[in-house]
PDB file of N, CA and C in Angstrom:
ATOM      1  N   UNK A   1      45.688 -36.168  -9.193  1.00  0.00           N
ATOM      2  CA  UNK A   1      45.377 -35.390 -10.373  1.00  0.00           C
ATOM      3  C   UNK A   1      45.142 -33.945  -9.962  1.00  0.00           C
ATOM      4  N   UNK A   2      45.567 -33.035 -10.796  1.00  0.00           N
ATOM      5  CA  UNK A   2      45.342 -31.640 -10.484  1.00  0.00           C
ATOM      6  C   UNK A   2      44.862 -30.915 -11.730  1.00  0.00           C
ATOM      7  N   UNK A   3      44.130 -29.855 -11.502  1.00  0.00           N
ATOM      8  CA  UNK A   3      43.620 -29.043 -12.590  1.00  0.00           C
ATOM      9  C   UNK A   3      44.779 -28.328 -13.258  1.00  0.00           C
ATOM     10  N   UNK A   4      44.892 -28.437 -14.536  1.00  0.00           N
ATOM     11  CA  UNK A   4      45.970 -27.786 -15.268  1.00  0.00           C
ATOM     12  C   UNK A   4      45.449 -26.482 -15.853  1.00  0.00           C
ATOM     13  N   UNK A   5      45.602 -25.407 -15.105  1.00  0.00           N
ATOM     14  CA  UNK A   5      45.066 -24.120 -15.534  1.00  0.00           C
ATOM     15  C   UNK A   5      45.808 -23.537 -16.721  1.00  0.00           C
ATOM     16  N   UNK A   6      46.959 -24.099 -17.078  1.00  0.00           N
ATOM     17  CA  UNK A   6      47.688 -23.600 -18.240  1.00  0.00           C
ATOM     18  C   UNK A   6      46.917 -23.844 -19.533  1.00  0.00           C
ATOM     19  N   UNK A   7      45.926 -24.722 -19.513  1.00  0.00           N
ATOM     20  CA  UNK A   7      45.141 -25.011 -20.711  1.00  0.00           C
ATOM     21  C   UNK A   7      43.949 -24.083 -20.870  1.00  0.00           C
ATOM     22  N   UNK A   8      43.700 -23.215 -19.910  1.00  0.00           N
ATOM     23  CA  UNK A   8      42.565 -22.315 -19.956  1.00  0.00           C
ATOM     24  C   UNK A   8      43.048 -20.891 -20.153  1.00  0.00           C
ATOM     25  N   UNK A   9      42.336 -20.132 -20.954  1.00  0.00           N
ATOM     26  CA  UNK A   9      42.695 -18.742 -21.190  1.00  0.00           C
ATOM     27  C   UNK A   9      41.548 -17.885 -20.694  1.00  0.00           C
ATOM     28  N   UNK A  10      41.793 -17.064 -19.676  1.00  0.00           N
ATOM     29  CA  UNK A  10      40.765 -16.203 -19.112  1.00  0.00           C
ATOM     30  C   UNK A  10      41.281 -14.771 -19.058  1.00  0.00           C
ATOM     31  N   UNK A  11      40.367 -13.839 -18.942  1.00  0.00           N
ATOM     32  CA  UNK A  11      40.762 -12.436 -18.846  1.00  0.00           C
ATOM     33  C   UNK A  11      41.429 -12.150 -17.513  1.00  0.00           C
ATOM     34  N   UNK A  12      42.477 -11.299 -17.482  1.00  0.00           N
ATOM     35  CA  UNK A  12      43.062 -10.894 -16.208  1.00  0.00           C
ATOM     36  C   UNK A  12      42.053 -10.070 -15.409  1.00  0.00           C
ATOM     37  N   UNK A  13      42.209 -10.030 -14.092  1.00  0.00           N
ATOM     38  CA  UNK A  13      41.243  -9.385 -13.201  1.00  0.00           C
ATOM     39  C   UNK A  13      40.886  -7.952 -13.603  1.00  0.00           C
ATOM     40  N   UNK A  14      41.842  -7.036 -13.880  1.00  0.00           N
ATOM     41  CA  UNK A  14      41.454  -5.669 -14.243  1.00  0.00           C
ATOM     42  C   UNK A  14      40.618  -5.610 -15.525  1.00  0.00           C
ATOM     43  N   UNK A  15      40.983  -6.409 -16.526  1.00  0.00           N
ATOM     44  CA  UNK A  15      40.208  -6.422 -17.769  1.00  0.00           C
ATOM     45  C   UNK A  15      38.822  -6.992 -17.527  1.00  0.00           C
ATOM     46  N   UNK A  16      38.743  -8.003 -16.699  1.00  0.00           N
ATOM     47  CA  UNK A  16      37.469  -8.628 -16.375  1.00  0.00           C
ATOM     48  C   UNK A  16      36.564  -7.654 -15.637  1.00  0.00           C
ATOM     49  N   UNK A  17      37.098  -6.943 -14.654  1.00  0.00           N
ATOM     50  CA  UNK A  17      36.308  -5.968 -13.903  1.00  0.00           C
ATOM     51  C   UNK A  17      35.777  -4.867 -14.808  1.00  0.00           C
ATOM     52  N   UNK A  18      36.624  -4.380 -15.722  1.00  0.00           N
ATOM     53  CA  UNK A  18      36.182  -3.345 -16.655  1.00  0.00           C
ATOM     54  C   UNK A  18      35.092  -3.844 -17.586  1.00  0.00           C
ATOM     55  N   UNK A  19      35.229  -5.076 -18.034  1.00  0.00           N
ATOM     56  CA  UNK A  19      34.235  -5.651 -18.930  1.00  0.00           C
ATOM     57  C   UNK A  19      32.902  -5.844 -18.222  1.00  0.00           C
ATOM     58  N   UNK A  20      32.950  -6.295 -16.985  1.00  0.00           N
ATOM     59  CA  UNK A  20      31.716  -6.492 -16.219  1.00  0.00           C
ATOM     60  C   UNK A  20      31.049  -5.155 -15.961  1.00  0.00           C
ATOM     61  N   UNK A  21      31.842  -4.141 -15.618  1.00  0.00           N
ATOM     62  CA  UNK A  21      31.310  -2.809 -15.352  1.00  0.00           C
ATOM     63  C   UNK A  21      30.619  -2.237 -16.584  1.00  0.00           C
ATOM     64  N   UNK A  22      31.099  -2.578 -17.768  1.00  0.00           N
ATOM     65  CA  UNK A  22      30.500  -2.056 -18.996  1.00  0.00           C
ATOM     66  C   UNK A  22      29.313  -2.895 -19.472  1.00  0.00           C
ATOM     67  N   UNK A  23      28.964  -3.942 -18.725  1.00  0.00           N
ATOM     68  CA  UNK A  23      27.812  -4.761 -19.068  1.00  0.00           C
ATOM     69  C   UNK A  23      28.140  -5.985 -19.891  1.00  0.00           C
ATOM     70  N   UNK A  24      29.401  -6.180 -20.241  1.00  0.00           N
ATOM     71  CA  UNK A  24      29.820  -7.346 -21.013  1.00  0.00           C
ATOM     72  C   UNK A  24      29.899  -8.560 -20.121  1.00  0.00           C
ATOM     73  N   UNK A  25      29.441  -9.701 -20.574  1.00  0.00           N
ATOM     74  CA  UNK A  25      29.511 -10.936 -19.797  1.00  0.00           C
ATOM     75  C   UNK A  25      30.748 -11.721 -20.229  1.00  0.00           C
ATOM     76  N   UNK A  26      31.673 -11.999 -19.283  1.00  0.00           N
ATOM     77  CA  UNK A  26      32.916 -12.682 -19.649  1.00  0.00           C
ATOM     78  C   UNK A  26      32.681 -14.134 -20.059  1.00  0.00           C
ATOM     79  N   UNK A  27      33.502 -14.593 -20.978  1.00  0.00           N
ATOM     80  CA  UNK A  27      33.461 -15.973 -21.437  1.00  0.00           C
ATOM     81  C   UNK A  27      34.884 -16.511 -21.387  1.00  0.00           C
ATOM     82  N   UNK A  28      35.036 -17.670 -20.824  1.00  0.00           N
ATOM     83  CA  UNK A  28      36.349 -18.298 -20.785  1.00  0.00           C
ATOM     84  C   UNK A  28      36.522 -19.106 -22.057  1.00  0.00           C
ATOM     85  N   UNK A  29      37.647 -18.959 -22.698  1.00  0.00           N
ATOM     86  CA  UNK A  29      37.930 -19.710 -23.917  1.00  0.00           C
ATOM     87  C   UNK A  29      38.830 -20.883 -23.563  1.00  0.00           C
ATOM     88  N   UNK A  30      38.428 -22.068 -23.944  1.00  0.00           N
ATOM     89  CA  UNK A  30      39.192 -23.265 -23.633  1.00  0.00           C
ATOM     90  C   UNK A  30      40.154 -23.552 -24.772  1.00  0.00           C
ATOM     91  N   UNK A  31      41.418 -23.650 -24.422  1.00  0.00           N
ATOM     92  CA  UNK A  31      42.420 -24.088 -25.377  1.00  0.00           C
ATOM     93  C   UNK A  31      42.631 -25.573 -25.124  1.00  0.00           C
ATOM     94  N   UNK A  32      42.025 -26.390 -25.952  1.00  0.00           N
ATOM     95  CA  UNK A  32      42.018 -27.835 -25.740  1.00  0.00           C
ATOM     96  C   UNK A  32      43.354 -28.469 -26.106  1.00  0.00           C
ATOM     97  N   UNK A  33      43.819 -29.338 -25.218  1.00  0.00           N
ATOM     98  CA  UNK A  33      44.907 -30.259 -25.521  1.00  0.00           C
ATOM     99  C   UNK A  33      44.442 -31.614 -25.021  1.00  0.00           C
ATOM    100  N   UNK A  34      45.175 -32.652 -25.332  1.00  0.00           N
ATOM    101  CA  UNK A  34      44.730 -33.980 -24.883  1.00  0.00           C
ATOM    102  C   UNK A  34      44.882 -34.163 -23.377  1.00  0.00           C
ATOM    103  N   UNK A  35      45.470 -33.205 -22.689  1.00  0.00           N
ATOM    104  CA  UNK A  35      45.634 -33.271 -21.233  1.00  0.00           C
ATOM    105  C   UNK A  35      44.832 -32.199 -20.498  1.00  0.00           C
ATOM    106  N   UNK A  36      43.765 -31.702 -21.088  1.00  0.00           N
ATOM    107  CA  UNK A  36      42.966 -30.652 -20.470  1.00  0.00           C
ATOM    108  C   UNK A  36      42.035 -31.228 -19.409  1.00  0.00           C
ATOM    109  N   UNK A  37      42.234 -30.794 -18.161  1.00  0.00           N
ATOM    110  CA  UNK A  37      41.384 -31.180 -17.036  1.00  0.00           C
ATOM    111  C   UNK A  37      40.646 -29.944 -16.563  1.00  0.00           C
ATOM    112  N   UNK A  38      39.381 -30.109 -16.172  1.00  0.00           N
ATOM    113  CA  UNK A  38      38.582 -29.004 -15.644  1.00  0.00           C
ATOM    114  C   UNK A  38      38.008 -29.399 -14.291  1.00  0.00           C
ATOM    115  N   UNK A  39      37.748 -28.418 -13.460  1.00  0.00           N
ATOM    116  CA  UNK A  39      37.175 -28.620 -12.129  1.00  0.00           C
ATOM    117  C   UNK A  39      35.649 -28.590 -12.258  1.00  0.00           C
ATOM    118  N   UNK A  40      34.987 -29.627 -11.769  1.00  0.00           N
ATOM    119  CA  UNK A  40      33.530 -29.731 -11.886  1.00  0.00           C
ATOM    120  C   UNK A  40      32.822 -28.927 -10.798  1.00  0.00           C
ATOM    121  N   UNK A  41      31.710 -28.307 -11.156  1.00  0.00           N
ATOM    122  CA  UNK A  41      30.899 -27.576 -10.177  1.00  0.00           C
ATOM    123  C   UNK A  41      30.062 -28.538  -9.337  1.00  0.00           C
ATOM    124  N   UNK A  42      29.580 -29.617  -9.958  1.00  0.00           N
ATOM    125  CA  UNK A  42      28.813 -30.647  -9.256  1.00  0.00           C
ATOM    126  C   UNK A  42      29.334 -32.010  -9.676  1.00  0.00           C
ATOM    127  N   UNK A  43      29.406 -32.926  -8.728  1.00  0.00           N
ATOM    128  CA  UNK A  43      29.873 -34.274  -9.036  1.00  0.00           C
ATOM    129  C   UNK A  43      28.759 -35.071  -9.708  1.00  0.00           C
ATOM    130  N   UNK A  44      29.086 -35.877 -10.724  1.00  0.00           N
ATOM    131  CA  UNK A  44      28.062 -36.682 -11.390  1.00  0.00           C
ATOM    132  C   UNK A  44      27.562 -37.835 -10.520  1.00  0.00           C
ATOM    133  N   UNK A  45      28.358 -38.226  -9.512  1.00  0.00           N
ATOM    134  CA  UNK A  45      27.935 -39.238  -8.550  1.00  0.00           C
ATOM    135  C   UNK A  45      28.693 -39.007  -7.247  1.00  0.00           C
ATOM    136  N   UNK A  46      28.250 -39.639  -6.202  1.00  0.00           N
ATOM    137  CA  UNK A  46      28.819 -39.442  -4.867  1.00  0.00           C
ATOM    138  C   UNK A  46      30.311 -39.776  -4.794  1.00  0.00           C
ATOM    139  N   UNK A  47      30.749 -40.747  -5.555  1.00  0.00           N
ATOM    140  CA  UNK A  47      32.135 -41.220  -5.465  1.00  0.00           C
ATOM    141  C   UNK A  47      33.037 -40.714  -6.599  1.00  0.00           C
ATOM    142  N   UNK A  48      32.487 -39.919  -7.495  1.00  0.00           N
ATOM    143  CA  UNK A  48      33.255 -39.427  -8.636  1.00  0.00           C
ATOM    144  C   UNK A  48      34.257 -38.363  -8.208  1.00  0.00           C
ATOM    145  N   UNK A  49      35.339 -38.246  -8.979  1.00  0.00           N
ATOM    146  CA  UNK A  49      36.318 -37.192  -8.753  1.00  0.00           C
ATOM    147  C   UNK A  49      35.671 -35.832  -9.034  1.00  0.00           C
ATOM    148  N   UNK A  50      36.310 -34.784  -8.557  1.00  0.00           N
ATOM    149  CA  UNK A  50      35.785 -33.437  -8.774  1.00  0.00           C
ATOM    150  C   UNK A  50      36.400 -32.767  -9.996  1.00  0.00           C
ATOM    151  N   UNK A  51      37.099 -33.552 -10.827  1.00  0.00           N
ATOM    152  CA  UNK A  51      37.693 -33.050 -12.052  1.00  0.00           C
ATOM    153  C   UNK A  51      37.346 -33.977 -13.206  1.00  0.00           C
ATOM    154  N   UNK A  52      37.357 -33.422 -14.412  1.00  0.00           N
ATOM    155  CA  UNK A  52      37.061 -34.209 -15.609  1.00  0.00           C
ATOM    156  C   UNK A  52      38.093 -33.901 -16.682  1.00  0.00           C
ATOM    157  N   UNK A  53      38.428 -34.918 -17.461  1.00  0.00           N
ATOM    158  CA  UNK A  53      39.344 -34.742 -18.586  1.00  0.00           C
ATOM    159  C   UNK A  53      38.505 -34.557 -19.845  1.00  0.00           C
ATOM    160  N   UNK A  54      38.720 -33.445 -20.535  1.00  0.00           N
ATOM    161  CA  UNK A  54      37.982 -33.191 -21.770  1.00  0.00           C
ATOM    162  C   UNK A  54      38.505 -34.097 -22.870  1.00  0.00           C
ATOM    163  N   UNK A  55      37.591 -34.836 -23.510  1.00  0.00           N
ATOM    164  CA  UNK A  55      37.970 -35.761 -24.572  1.00  0.00           C
ATOM    165  C   UNK A  55      37.822 -35.126 -25.947  1.00  0.00           C
ATOM    166  N   UNK A  56      36.646 -34.557 -26.212  1.00  0.00           N
ATOM    167  CA  UNK A  56      36.421 -33.876 -27.483  1.00  0.00           C
ATOM    168  C   UNK A  56      35.212 -32.961 -27.355  1.00  0.00           C
ATOM    169  N   UNK A  57      35.190 -31.948 -28.200  1.00  0.00           N
ATOM    170  CA  UNK A  57      34.082 -30.999 -28.181  1.00  0.00           C
ATOM    171  C   UNK A  57      32.921 -31.575 -28.973  1.00  0.00           C
ATOM    172  N   UNK A  58      31.739 -31.636 -28.339  1.00  0.00           N
ATOM    173  CA  UNK A  58      30.537 -32.169 -28.979  1.00  0.00           C
ATOM    174  C   UNK A  58      29.823 -31.090 -29.786  1.00  0.00           C
ATOM    175  N   UNK A  59      29.735 -29.896 -29.214  1.00  0.00           N
ATOM    176  CA  UNK A  59      29.080 -28.766 -29.870  1.00  0.00           C
ATOM    177  C   UNK A  59      29.765 -27.497 -29.381  1.00  0.00           C
ATOM    178  N   UNK A  60      29.206 -26.359 -29.718  1.00  0.00           N
ATOM    179  CA  UNK A  60      29.791 -25.089 -29.302  1.00  0.00           C
ATOM    180  C   UNK A  60      29.897 -24.979 -27.784  1.00  0.00           C
ATOM    181  N   UNK A  61      28.933 -25.544 -27.054  1.00  0.00           N
ATOM    182  CA  UNK A  61      28.880 -25.397 -25.600  1.00  0.00           C
ATOM    183  C   UNK A  61      29.021 -26.696 -24.822  1.00  0.00           C
ATOM    184  N   UNK A  62      29.217 -27.829 -25.478  1.00  0.00           N
ATOM    185  CA  UNK A  62      29.303 -29.098 -24.759  1.00  0.00           C
ATOM    186  C   UNK A  62      30.574 -29.860 -25.120  1.00  0.00           C
ATOM    187  N   UNK A  63      31.041 -30.624 -24.143  1.00  0.00           N
ATOM    188  CA  UNK A  63      32.256 -31.429 -24.297  1.00  0.00           C
ATOM    189  C   UNK A  63      31.981 -32.842 -23.813  1.00  0.00           C
ATOM    190  N   UNK A  64      32.529 -33.812 -24.516  1.00  0.00           N
ATOM    191  CA  UNK A  64      32.555 -35.179 -24.027  1.00  0.00           C
ATOM    192  C   UNK A  64      33.755 -35.233 -23.080  1.00  0.00           C
ATOM    193  N   UNK A  65      33.548 -35.783 -21.882  1.00  0.00           N
ATOM    194  CA  UNK A  65      34.608 -35.784 -20.873  1.00  0.00           C
ATOM    195  C   UNK A  65      34.619 -37.107 -20.125  1.00  0.00           C
ATOM    196  N   UNK A  66      35.738 -37.381 -19.482  1.00  0.00           N
ATOM    197  CA  UNK A  66      35.883 -38.584 -18.666  1.00  0.00           C
ATOM    198  C   UNK A  66      36.128 -38.159 -17.233  1.00  0.00           C
ATOM    199  N   UNK A  67      35.294 -38.680 -16.314  1.00  0.00           N
ATOM    200  CA  UNK A  67      35.411 -38.390 -14.887  1.00  0.00           C
ATOM    201  C   UNK A  67      35.891 -39.661 -14.191  1.00  0.00           C
ATOM    202  N   UNK A  68      37.071 -39.617 -13.539  1.00  0.00           N
ATOM    203  CA  UNK A  68      37.561 -40.799 -12.827  1.00  0.00           C
ATOM    204  C   UNK A  68      36.536 -41.296 -11.792  1.00  0.00           C
ATOM    205  N   UNK A  69      36.417 -42.577 -11.685  1.00  0.00           N
ATOM    206  CA  UNK A  69      35.470 -43.253 -10.792  1.00  0.00           C
ATOM    207  C   UNK A  69      34.008 -42.983 -11.146  1.00  0.00           C
ATOM    208  N   UNK A  70      33.765 -42.566 -12.399  1.00  0.00           N
ATOM    209  CA  UNK A  70      32.390 -42.406 -12.869  1.00  0.00           C
ATOM    210  C   UNK A  70      32.254 -42.879 -14.316  1.00  0.00           C
ATOM    211  N   UNK A  71      33.076 -42.331 -15.203  1.00  0.00           N
ATOM    212  CA  UNK A  71      33.013 -42.717 -16.609  1.00  0.00           C
ATOM    213  C   UNK A  71      32.833 -41.517 -17.507  1.00  0.00           C
ATOM    214  N   UNK A  72      32.384 -41.791 -18.727  1.00  0.00           N
ATOM    215  CA  UNK A  72      32.231 -40.734 -19.719  1.00  0.00           C
ATOM    216  C   UNK A  72      30.920 -39.983 -19.513  1.00  0.00           C
ATOM    217  N   UNK A  73      30.990 -38.655 -19.666  1.00  0.00           N
ATOM    218  CA  UNK A  73      29.816 -37.785 -19.532  1.00  0.00           C
ATOM    219  C   UNK A  73      29.896 -36.703 -20.598  1.00  0.00           C
ATOM    220  N   UNK A  74      28.777 -36.052 -20.848  1.00  0.00           N
ATOM    221  CA  UNK A  74      28.754 -34.862 -21.690  1.00  0.00           C
ATOM    222  C   UNK A  74      28.540 -33.675 -20.754  1.00  0.00           C
ATOM    223  N   UNK A  75      29.463 -32.723 -20.813  1.00  0.00           N
ATOM    224  CA  UNK A  75      29.412 -31.557 -19.934  1.00  0.00           C
ATOM    225  C   UNK A  75      29.097 -30.298 -20.731  1.00  0.00           C
ATOM    226  N   UNK A  76      28.198 -29.495 -20.210  1.00  0.00           N
ATOM    227  CA  UNK A  76      27.967 -28.155 -20.754  1.00  0.00           C
ATOM    228  C   UNK A  76      29.021 -27.241 -20.127  1.00  0.00           C
ATOM    229  N   UNK A  77      29.388 -26.175 -20.798  1.00  0.00           N
ATOM    230  CA  UNK A  77      30.411 -25.260 -20.272  1.00  0.00           C
ATOM    231  C   UNK A  77      30.069 -24.745 -18.885  1.00  0.00           C
ATOM    232  N   UNK A  78      28.798 -24.694 -18.555  1.00  0.00           N
ATOM    233  CA  UNK A  78      28.372 -24.207 -17.239  1.00  0.00           C
ATOM    234  C   UNK A  78      28.578 -25.243 -16.139  1.00  0.00           C
ATOM    235  N   UNK A  79      28.978 -26.467 -16.489  1.00  0.00           N
ATOM    236  CA  UNK A  79      29.178 -27.536 -15.505  1.00  0.00           C
ATOM    237  C   UNK A  79      30.571 -27.543 -14.900  1.00  0.00           C
ATOM    238  N   UNK A  80      31.486 -26.712 -15.426  1.00  0.00           N
ATOM    239  CA  UNK A  80      32.841 -26.716 -14.887  1.00  0.00           C
ATOM    240  C   UNK A  80      33.406 -25.311 -14.769  1.00  0.00           C
ATOM    241  N   UNK A  81      34.408 -25.196 -13.881  1.00  0.00           N
ATOM    242  CA  UNK A  81      35.083 -23.923 -13.659  1.00  0.00           C
ATOM    243  C   UNK A  81      35.970 -23.569 -14.830  1.00  0.00           C
ATOM    244  N   UNK A  82      36.089 -22.296 -15.046  1.00  0.00           N
ATOM    245  CA  UNK A  82      37.006 -21.783 -16.046  1.00  0.00           C
ATOM    246  C   UNK A  82      38.314 -21.448 -15.364  1.00  0.00           C
TER     247      UNK A  82
END
C-alpha cells in the first residue's frame, strides 16, 4: 500500500513560505475519495500499518479511518500527514 498524494491538495512551497512569513498558518485541504490513504504520525498499535484509509468525515476535524492490522479508528487531522 502506498500513500496516494493525488488526493491531497496543499499549497506549493513558495506560496506556503510566503503565507508562513506573513503569520498565516497553513491548512491542508483533503479532497476525499473512497481511495484516500493518509500517512499516520503515530501508530495506533505496535503492529499496525503506518497508513490509514479515510472512510468518512466525522466532524470538521475528525475522520473515521481504517488502519490495516489494527481496525477502525477516529483520527483528528493532526494525527496524519498532509
